[in-house]
């Protein structure tokens, strides 16, 4: 019975750890394409604000103002998103692509090493769970109450599903290892294909692209009026998953 108790304890910790990883993954269901990327020239974050049905949603600077003073930076979300996407498209020129390719080459081996280390870690987890499976299957041959035996069988099912999950994760990461660009021309074509079709994508996929490609966006308004010129400074993220091939 000690073997079963130890297996239950170990498995509970493994599942708890895995759930923690899943829950920390990023989701892109928000309708605000630029959420989490905007900074105001005053140094504060620019956050989305939805005023409710029928009203214009906005992005606004959120400084810690006393007496609830009105934000000095309020921009309709659709206006700012259109301007940022237009600016982003203009940044992806052949000259910038060459610069990004150099940075990509510098970071590629680091990403490959990370993937390989992650794969090795999942193989270690599978080996550990395989040992627990053997121990628990041996324990099933012992003579004990059927209700306990049922619980043990349920535990076996949980472990087998966990192993299957790790195997799927390994397969996915192995595919990622095969997805790196080997030459500049393939790299350029991937960006051409992506940005030629950017405006036709749904909100979810647009947000994923912006999240991956953009590190931060600095917004400056020339004057406080609603019609003032908006200056946009985009910092790209060269170590982006979008630099992976899709094959």
C-alpha atoms as a PDB file:
ATOM      1  CA  UNK A   1       0.000   0.000   0.000  1.00  0.00           C
ATOM      2  CA  UNK A   2       2.908   2.374   0.520  1.00  0.00           C
ATOM      3  CA  UNK A   3       3.760   2.071  -3.178  1.00  0.00           C
ATOM      4  CA  UNK A   4       0.250   3.216  -4.139  1.00  0.00           C
ATOM      5  CA  UNK A   5       0.323   6.147  -1.714  1.00  0.00           C
ATOM      6  CA  UNK A   6       3.706   7.313  -3.030  1.00  0.00           C
ATOM      7  CA  UNK A   7       2.475   7.086  -6.620  1.00  0.00           C
ATOM      8  CA  UNK A   8      -0.630   9.099  -5.808  1.00  0.00           C
ATOM      9  CA  UNK A   9       1.468  11.790  -4.149  1.00  0.00           C
ATOM     10  CA  UNK A  10       3.969  12.006  -7.008  1.00  0.00           C
ATOM     11  CA  UNK A  11       1.279  12.082  -9.677  1.00  0.00           C
ATOM     12  CA  UNK A  12      -0.680  14.781  -7.868  1.00  0.00           C
ATOM     13  CA  UNK A  13       2.414  16.991  -7.841  1.00  0.00           C
ATOM     14  CA  UNK A  14       3.092  16.369 -11.540  1.00  0.00           C
ATOM     15  CA  UNK A  15      -0.495  17.180 -12.553  1.00  0.00           C
ATOM     16  CA  UNK A  16      -0.485  20.287 -10.344  1.00  0.00           C
ATOM     17  CA  UNK A  17       2.698  21.486 -12.031  1.00  0.00           C
ATOM     18  CA  UNK A  18       1.327  20.822 -15.507  1.00  0.00           C
ATOM     19  CA  UNK A  19      -1.938  22.664 -14.801  1.00  0.00           C
ATOM     20  CA  UNK A  20       0.084  25.622 -13.580  1.00  0.00           C
ATOM     21  CA  UNK A  21       1.930  25.745 -16.896  1.00  0.00           C
ATOM     22  CA  UNK A  22      -1.306  25.531 -18.886  1.00  0.00           C
ATOM     23  CA  UNK A  23      -3.025  28.240 -16.843  1.00  0.00           C
ATOM     24  CA  UNK A  24      -0.119  30.627 -17.360  1.00  0.00           C
ATOM     25  CA  UNK A  25      -0.289  30.425 -21.147  1.00  0.00           C
ATOM     26  CA  UNK A  26      -1.412  33.535 -22.973  1.00  0.00           C
ATOM     27  CA  UNK A  27      -4.908  33.869 -24.488  1.00  0.00           C
ATOM     28  CA  UNK A  28      -5.937  36.203 -27.267  1.00  0.00           C
ATOM     29  CA  UNK A  29      -9.718  36.403 -27.063  1.00  0.00           C
ATOM     30  CA  UNK A  30      -9.822  40.131 -26.173  1.00  0.00           C
ATOM     31  CA  UNK A  31     -11.140  42.386 -28.972  1.00  0.00           C
ATOM     32  CA  UNK A  32      -8.392  44.922 -28.183  1.00  0.00           C
ATOM     33  CA  UNK A  33      -5.562  44.080 -30.579  1.00  0.00           C
ATOM     34  CA  UNK A  34      -2.954  46.195 -28.794  1.00  0.00           C
ATOM     35  CA  UNK A  35      -3.647  45.255 -25.192  1.00  0.00           C
ATOM     36  CA  UNK A  36      -0.459  44.954 -23.160  1.00  0.00           C
ATOM     37  CA  UNK A  37       1.746  46.554 -25.817  1.00  0.00           C
ATOM     38  CA  UNK A  38       1.050  50.299 -25.501  1.00  0.00           C
ATOM     39  CA  UNK A  39       3.115  52.829 -23.588  1.00  0.00           C
ATOM     40  CA  UNK A  40       2.430  56.541 -23.313  1.00  0.00           C
ATOM     41  CA  UNK A  41       5.160  59.133 -23.862  1.00  0.00           C
ATOM     42  CA  UNK A  42       4.585  60.128 -20.203  1.00  0.00           C
ATOM     43  CA  UNK A  43       5.927  56.713 -19.182  1.00  0.00           C
ATOM     44  CA  UNK A  44       2.637  55.109 -18.137  1.00  0.00           C
ATOM     45  CA  UNK A  45       0.830  52.164 -19.703  1.00  0.00           C
ATOM     46  CA  UNK A  46      -2.008  52.782 -22.145  1.00  0.00           C
ATOM     47  CA  UNK A  47      -4.885  50.419 -21.386  1.00  0.00           C
ATOM     48  CA  UNK A  48      -8.113  49.532 -23.215  1.00  0.00           C
ATOM     49  CA  UNK A  49     -11.471  50.747 -21.937  1.00  0.00           C
ATOM     50  CA  UNK A  50     -14.864  49.501 -23.065  1.00  0.00           C
ATOM     51  CA  UNK A  51     -17.640  51.909 -22.082  1.00  0.00           C
ATOM     52  CA  UNK A  52     -20.436  49.479 -22.906  1.00  0.00           C
ATOM     53  CA  UNK A  53     -22.807  48.597 -25.717  1.00  0.00           C
ATOM     54  CA  UNK A  54     -23.220  51.271 -28.379  1.00  0.00           C
ATOM     55  CA  UNK A  55     -20.310  53.379 -27.085  1.00  0.00           C
ATOM     56  CA  UNK A  56     -16.876  53.842 -28.593  1.00  0.00           C
ATOM     57  CA  UNK A  57     -14.174  51.737 -26.969  1.00  0.00           C
ATOM     58  CA  UNK A  58     -10.858  53.506 -26.429  1.00  0.00           C
ATOM     59  CA  UNK A  59      -7.260  53.198 -25.361  1.00  0.00           C
ATOM     60  CA  UNK A  60      -6.285  55.614 -22.618  1.00  0.00           C
ATOM     61  CA  UNK A  61      -3.249  56.483 -20.577  1.00  0.00           C
ATOM     62  CA  UNK A  62      -3.696  55.532 -16.923  1.00  0.00           C
ATOM     63  CA  UNK A  63      -1.398  57.706 -14.805  1.00  0.00           C
ATOM     64  CA  UNK A  64      -1.991  57.894 -11.069  1.00  0.00           C
ATOM     65  CA  UNK A  65      -3.778  61.236 -11.147  1.00  0.00           C
ATOM     66  CA  UNK A  66      -5.147  62.918  -8.027  1.00  0.00           C
ATOM     67  CA  UNK A  67      -8.823  63.860  -7.718  1.00  0.00           C
ATOM     68  CA  UNK A  68      -9.665  61.553 -10.634  1.00  0.00           C
ATOM     69  CA  UNK A  69      -8.395  63.971 -13.262  1.00  0.00           C
ATOM     70  CA  UNK A  70      -9.217  63.076 -16.848  1.00  0.00           C
ATOM     71  CA  UNK A  71      -6.597  61.112 -18.759  1.00  0.00           C
ATOM     72  CA  UNK A  72      -4.581  63.266 -21.156  1.00  0.00           C
ATOM     73  CA  UNK A  73      -4.429  60.400 -23.702  1.00  0.00           C
ATOM     74  CA  UNK A  74      -7.723  58.920 -24.936  1.00  0.00           C
ATOM     75  CA  UNK A  75      -7.828  57.466 -28.456  1.00  0.00           C
ATOM     76  CA  UNK A  76     -10.656  55.471 -30.099  1.00  0.00           C
ATOM     77  CA  UNK A  77      -9.501  51.849 -30.300  1.00  0.00           C
ATOM     78  CA  UNK A  78     -10.375  51.354 -33.979  1.00  0.00           C
ATOM     79  CA  UNK A  79      -8.446  54.506 -34.951  1.00  0.00           C
ATOM     80  CA  UNK A  80      -5.304  53.586 -33.041  1.00  0.00           C
ATOM     81  CA  UNK A  81      -5.364  49.953 -34.177  1.00  0.00           C
ATOM     82  CA  UNK A  82      -5.675  51.007 -37.837  1.00  0.00           C
ATOM     83  CA  UNK A  83      -2.748  53.431 -37.477  1.00  0.00           C
ATOM     84  CA  UNK A  84      -0.562  50.867 -35.693  1.00  0.00           C
ATOM     85  CA  UNK A  85      -1.202  48.151 -38.292  1.00  0.00           C
ATOM     86  CA  UNK A  86      -0.445  50.629 -41.089  1.00  0.00           C
ATOM     87  CA  UNK A  87       2.786  51.602 -39.336  1.00  0.00           C
ATOM     88  CA  UNK A  88       3.684  47.960 -38.746  1.00  0.00           C
ATOM     89  CA  UNK A  89       3.227  47.118 -42.426  1.00  0.00           C
ATOM     90  CA  UNK A  90       5.460  50.018 -43.414  1.00  0.00           C
ATOM     91  CA  UNK A  91       8.224  48.769 -41.095  1.00  0.00           C
ATOM     92  CA  UNK A  92       8.540  45.416 -42.835  1.00  0.00           C
ATOM     93  CA  UNK A  93      10.744  46.568 -45.698  1.00  0.00           C
ATOM     94  CA  UNK A  94      13.513  44.586 -47.341  1.00  0.00           C
ATOM     95  CA  UNK A  95      16.082  46.615 -45.399  1.00  0.00           C
ATOM     96  CA  UNK A  96      14.412  45.836 -42.087  1.00  0.00           C
ATOM     97  CA  UNK A  97      13.995  42.206 -43.077  1.00  0.00           C
ATOM     98  CA  UNK A  98      17.761  41.961 -43.585  1.00  0.00           C
ATOM     99  CA  UNK A  99      18.324  43.358 -40.118  1.00  0.00           C
ATOM    100  CA  UNK A 100      15.757  41.020 -38.619  1.00  0.00           C
ATOM    101  CA  UNK A 101      17.365  38.073 -40.400  1.00  0.00           C
ATOM    102  CA  UNK A 102      20.702  38.847 -38.754  1.00  0.00           C
ATOM    103  CA  UNK A 103      19.051  38.979 -35.337  1.00  0.00           C
ATOM    104  CA  UNK A 104      17.083  35.838 -36.136  1.00  0.00           C
ATOM    105  CA  UNK A 105      20.267  33.958 -36.991  1.00  0.00           C
ATOM    106  CA  UNK A 106      21.815  35.076 -33.705  1.00  0.00           C
ATOM    107  CA  UNK A 107      18.833  33.858 -31.692  1.00  0.00           C
ATOM    108  CA  UNK A 108      18.008  30.716 -33.654  1.00  0.00           C
ATOM    109  CA  UNK A 109      20.539  28.423 -31.992  1.00  0.00           C
ATOM    110  CA  UNK A 110      19.442  29.598 -28.559  1.00  0.00           C
ATOM    111  CA  UNK A 111      15.838  28.698 -29.376  1.00  0.00           C
ATOM    112  CA  UNK A 112      16.919  25.319 -30.751  1.00  0.00           C
ATOM    113  CA  UNK A 113      18.820  24.579 -27.535  1.00  0.00           C
ATOM    114  CA  UNK A 114      15.792  25.572 -25.448  1.00  0.00           C
ATOM    115  CA  UNK A 115      13.514  23.266 -27.452  1.00  0.00           C
ATOM    116  CA  UNK A 116      15.930  20.348 -27.151  1.00  0.00           C
ATOM    117  CA  UNK A 117      16.272  20.858 -23.396  1.00  0.00           C
ATOM    118  CA  UNK A 118      12.488  20.997 -23.062  1.00  0.00           C
ATOM    119  CA  UNK A 119      12.093  17.778 -25.059  1.00  0.00           C
ATOM    120  CA  UNK A 120      14.658  16.026 -22.859  1.00  0.00           C
ATOM    121  CA  UNK A 121      12.746  17.206 -19.785  1.00  0.00           C
ATOM    122  CA  UNK A 122       9.488  15.728 -21.057  1.00  0.00           C
ATOM    123  CA  UNK A 123      11.216  12.429 -21.838  1.00  0.00           C
ATOM    124  CA  UNK A 124      12.465  12.356 -18.223  1.00  0.00           C
ATOM    125  CA  UNK A 125       8.906  12.934 -16.985  1.00  0.00           C
ATOM    126  CA  UNK A 126       7.638  10.073 -19.149  1.00  0.00           C
ATOM    127  CA  UNK A 127      10.354   7.755 -17.826  1.00  0.00           C
ATOM    128  CA  UNK A 128       9.369   8.645 -14.257  1.00  0.00           C
ATOM    129  CA  UNK A 129       5.679   7.992 -14.930  1.00  0.00           C
ATOM    130  CA  UNK A 130       6.486   4.723 -16.696  1.00  0.00           C
ATOM    131  CA  UNK A 131       8.201   3.523 -13.510  1.00  0.00           C
ATOM    132  CA  UNK A 132       5.108   4.447 -11.483  1.00  0.00           C
ATOM    133  CA  UNK A 133       2.904   2.542 -13.919  1.00  0.00           C
ATOM    134  CA  UNK A 134       4.963  -0.607 -13.385  1.00  0.00           C
ATOM    135  CA  UNK A 135       4.767  -0.247  -9.608  1.00  0.00           C
ATOM    136  CA  UNK A 136       1.028   0.355  -9.583  1.00  0.00           C
ATOM    137  CA  UNK A 137       0.323  -2.518 -12.000  1.00  0.00           C
ATOM    138  CA  UNK A 138       2.310  -4.799  -9.717  1.00  0.00           C
ATOM    139  CA  UNK A 139       0.263  -3.536  -6.773  1.00  0.00           C
ATOM    140  CA  UNK A 140      -2.955  -4.486  -8.585  1.00  0.00           C
ATOM    141  CA  UNK A 141      -1.964  -8.140  -8.233  1.00  0.00           C
ATOM    142  CA  UNK A 142      -2.172  -7.826  -4.454  1.00  0.00           C
ATOM    143  CA  UNK A 143      -5.261  -8.966  -2.611  1.00  0.00           C
ATOM    144  CA  UNK A 144      -7.119  -5.895  -1.350  1.00  0.00           C
ATOM    145  CA  UNK A 145     -10.590  -4.374  -1.347  1.00  0.00           C
ATOM    146  CA  UNK A 146     -12.272  -3.905  -4.752  1.00  0.00           C
ATOM    147  CA  UNK A 147     -13.070  -0.266  -4.039  1.00  0.00           C
ATOM    148  CA  UNK A 148      -9.363   0.431  -3.577  1.00  0.00           C
ATOM    149  CA  UNK A 149      -8.551  -1.546  -6.688  1.00  0.00           C
ATOM    150  CA  UNK A 150     -11.006   0.627  -8.644  1.00  0.00           C
ATOM    151  CA  UNK A 151      -9.259   3.771  -7.417  1.00  0.00           C
ATOM    152  CA  UNK A 152      -5.918   2.344  -8.459  1.00  0.00           C
ATOM    153  CA  UNK A 153      -7.252   1.593 -11.952  1.00  0.00           C
ATOM    154  CA  UNK A 154      -8.484   5.157 -12.199  1.00  0.00           C
ATOM    155  CA  UNK A 155      -5.030   6.335 -11.210  1.00  0.00           C
ATOM    156  CA  UNK A 156      -3.539   4.212 -13.985  1.00  0.00           C
ATOM    157  CA  UNK A 157      -5.828   5.904 -16.486  1.00  0.00           C
ATOM    158  CA  UNK A 158      -4.773   9.350 -15.253  1.00  0.00           C
ATOM    159  CA  UNK A 159      -1.083   8.492 -15.565  1.00  0.00           C
ATOM    160  CA  UNK A 160      -1.554   7.073 -19.049  1.00  0.00           C
ATOM    161  CA  UNK A 161      -3.333  10.257 -20.142  1.00  0.00           C
ATOM    162  CA  UNK A 162      -0.549  12.351 -18.653  1.00  0.00           C
ATOM    163  CA  UNK A 163       2.040  10.335 -20.556  1.00  0.00           C
ATOM    164  CA  UNK A 164       0.024  10.784 -23.748  1.00  0.00           C
ATOM    165  CA  UNK A 165      -0.063  14.542 -23.137  1.00  0.00           C
ATOM    166  CA  UNK A 166       3.711  14.656 -22.724  1.00  0.00           C
ATOM    167  CA  UNK A 167       4.193  12.590 -25.887  1.00  0.00           C
ATOM    168  CA  UNK A 168       2.003  15.017 -27.844  1.00  0.00           C
ATOM    169  CA  UNK A 169       3.994  17.933 -26.429  1.00  0.00           C
ATOM    170  CA  UNK A 170       7.264  16.307 -27.484  1.00  0.00           C
ATOM    171  CA  UNK A 171       5.913  15.754 -30.991  1.00  0.00           C
ATOM    172  CA  UNK A 172       4.876  19.400 -31.231  1.00  0.00           C
ATOM    173  CA  UNK A 173       8.277  20.643 -30.072  1.00  0.00           C
ATOM    174  CA  UNK A 174      10.052  18.304 -32.497  1.00  0.00           C
ATOM    175  CA  UNK A 175       8.012  19.837 -35.307  1.00  0.00           C
ATOM    176  CA  UNK A 176       9.104  23.280 -34.111  1.00  0.00           C
ATOM    177  CA  UNK A 177      12.726  22.149 -34.421  1.00  0.00           C
ATOM    178  CA  UNK A 178      12.091  21.492 -38.106  1.00  0.00           C
ATOM    179  CA  UNK A 179      10.470  24.898 -38.607  1.00  0.00           C
ATOM    180  CA  UNK A 180      13.427  27.269 -38.603  1.00  0.00           C
ATOM    181  CA  UNK A 181      14.307  29.172 -41.768  1.00  0.00           C
ATOM    182  CA  UNK A 182      17.588  28.131 -43.323  1.00  0.00           C
ATOM    183  CA  UNK A 183      17.992  31.031 -45.776  1.00  0.00           C
ATOM    184  CA  UNK A 184      17.059  34.698 -46.209  1.00  0.00           C
ATOM    185  CA  UNK A 185      14.769  34.185 -49.195  1.00  0.00           C
ATOM    186  CA  UNK A 186      12.470  31.808 -47.329  1.00  0.00           C
ATOM    187  CA  UNK A 187      12.457  34.253 -44.425  1.00  0.00           C
ATOM    188  CA  UNK A 188      11.404  37.150 -46.677  1.00  0.00           C
ATOM    189  CA  UNK A 189       8.684  35.107 -48.385  1.00  0.00           C
ATOM    190  CA  UNK A 190       7.175  34.136 -45.044  1.00  0.00           C
ATOM    191  CA  UNK A 191       6.803  37.803 -44.119  1.00  0.00           C
ATOM    192  CA  UNK A 192       5.410  38.744 -47.525  1.00  0.00           C
ATOM    193  CA  UNK A 193       2.749  36.038 -47.224  1.00  0.00           C
ATOM    194  CA  UNK A 194       1.914  37.044 -43.678  1.00  0.00           C
ATOM    195  CA  UNK A 195       1.516  40.781 -44.153  1.00  0.00           C
ATOM    196  CA  UNK A 196      -0.180  40.630 -47.537  1.00  0.00           C
ATOM    197  CA  UNK A 197      -3.026  38.867 -45.750  1.00  0.00           C
ATOM    198  CA  UNK A 198      -2.909  40.567 -42.357  1.00  0.00           C
ATOM    199  CA  UNK A 199      -6.009  42.732 -42.797  1.00  0.00           C
ATOM    200  CA  UNK A 200      -8.124  39.721 -43.791  1.00  0.00           C
ATOM    201  CA  UNK A 201      -7.433  37.839 -40.547  1.00  0.00           C
ATOM    202  CA  UNK A 202      -9.899  37.670 -37.662  1.00  0.00           C
ATOM    203  CA  UNK A 203      -9.306  39.510 -34.385  1.00  0.00           C
ATOM    204  CA  UNK A 204      -7.883  36.449 -32.626  1.00  0.00           C
ATOM    205  CA  UNK A 205      -5.178  35.851 -35.228  1.00  0.00           C
ATOM    206  CA  UNK A 206      -4.363  39.527 -35.637  1.00  0.00           C
ATOM    207  CA  UNK A 207      -3.789  39.760 -31.889  1.00  0.00           C
ATOM    208  CA  UNK A 208      -1.558  36.677 -31.898  1.00  0.00           C
ATOM    209  CA  UNK A 209       0.570  38.194 -34.668  1.00  0.00           C
ATOM    210  CA  UNK A 210       0.875  41.572 -32.967  1.00  0.00           C
ATOM    211  CA  UNK A 211       1.631  39.942 -29.618  1.00  0.00           C
ATOM    212  CA  UNK A 212       4.403  37.836 -31.119  1.00  0.00           C
ATOM    213  CA  UNK A 213       5.920  40.362 -33.489  1.00  0.00           C
ATOM    214  CA  UNK A 214       5.746  43.552 -31.401  1.00  0.00           C
ATOM    215  CA  UNK A 215       7.699  44.137 -28.206  1.00  0.00           C
ATOM    216  CA  UNK A 216       6.199  47.538 -27.377  1.00  0.00           C
ATOM    217  CA  UNK A 217       4.488  50.549 -28.957  1.00  0.00           C
ATOM    218  CA  UNK A 218       5.199  54.103 -27.771  1.00  0.00           C
ATOM    219  CA  UNK A 219       2.338  56.543 -28.395  1.00  0.00           C
ATOM    220  CA  UNK A 220       2.711  60.331 -28.409  1.00  0.00           C
ATOM    221  CA  UNK A 221      -0.052  62.879 -29.056  1.00  0.00           C
ATOM    222  CA  UNK A 222       1.167  66.193 -30.429  1.00  0.00           C
ATOM    223  CA  UNK A 223      -1.535  68.111 -28.508  1.00  0.00           C
ATOM    224  CA  UNK A 224      -4.476  67.222 -26.224  1.00  0.00           C
ATOM    225  CA  UNK A 225      -7.221  67.667 -28.831  1.00  0.00           C
ATOM    226  CA  UNK A 226      -9.056  64.564 -30.133  1.00  0.00           C
ATOM    227  CA  UNK A 227      -7.944  65.307 -33.686  1.00  0.00           C
ATOM    228  CA  UNK A 228      -4.261  65.761 -32.872  1.00  0.00           C
ATOM    229  CA  UNK A 229      -1.573  63.910 -34.748  1.00  0.00           C
ATOM    230  CA  UNK A 230      -0.574  60.588 -33.187  1.00  0.00           C
ATOM    231  CA  UNK A 231       3.094  59.607 -33.276  1.00  0.00           C
ATOM    232  CA  UNK A 232       3.777  55.880 -33.155  1.00  0.00           C
ATOM    233  CA  UNK A 233       7.134  54.250 -32.396  1.00  0.00           C
ATOM    234  CA  UNK A 234       7.052  50.448 -32.694  1.00  0.00           C
ATOM    235  CA  UNK A 235       9.771  48.242 -31.222  1.00  0.00           C
ATOM    236  CA  UNK A 236       9.771  44.862 -32.962  1.00  0.00           C
ATOM    237  CA  UNK A 237      10.587  41.572 -31.272  1.00  0.00           C
ATOM    238  CA  UNK A 238      13.158  39.785 -33.466  1.00  0.00           C
ATOM    239  CA  UNK A 239      12.985  36.621 -31.352  1.00  0.00           C
ATOM    240  CA  UNK A 240       9.418  35.979 -32.468  1.00  0.00           C
ATOM    241  CA  UNK A 241       7.639  32.690 -33.144  1.00  0.00           C
ATOM    242  CA  UNK A 242       6.469  34.285 -36.387  1.00  0.00           C
ATOM    243  CA  UNK A 243       9.997  33.800 -37.678  1.00  0.00           C
ATOM    244  CA  UNK A 244       9.321  30.060 -37.735  1.00  0.00           C
ATOM    245  CA  UNK A 245       8.304  28.395 -40.978  1.00  0.00           C
ATOM    246  CA  UNK A 246       4.772  27.047 -41.273  1.00  0.00           C
ATOM    247  CA  UNK A 247       5.776  23.781 -42.919  1.00  0.00           C
END
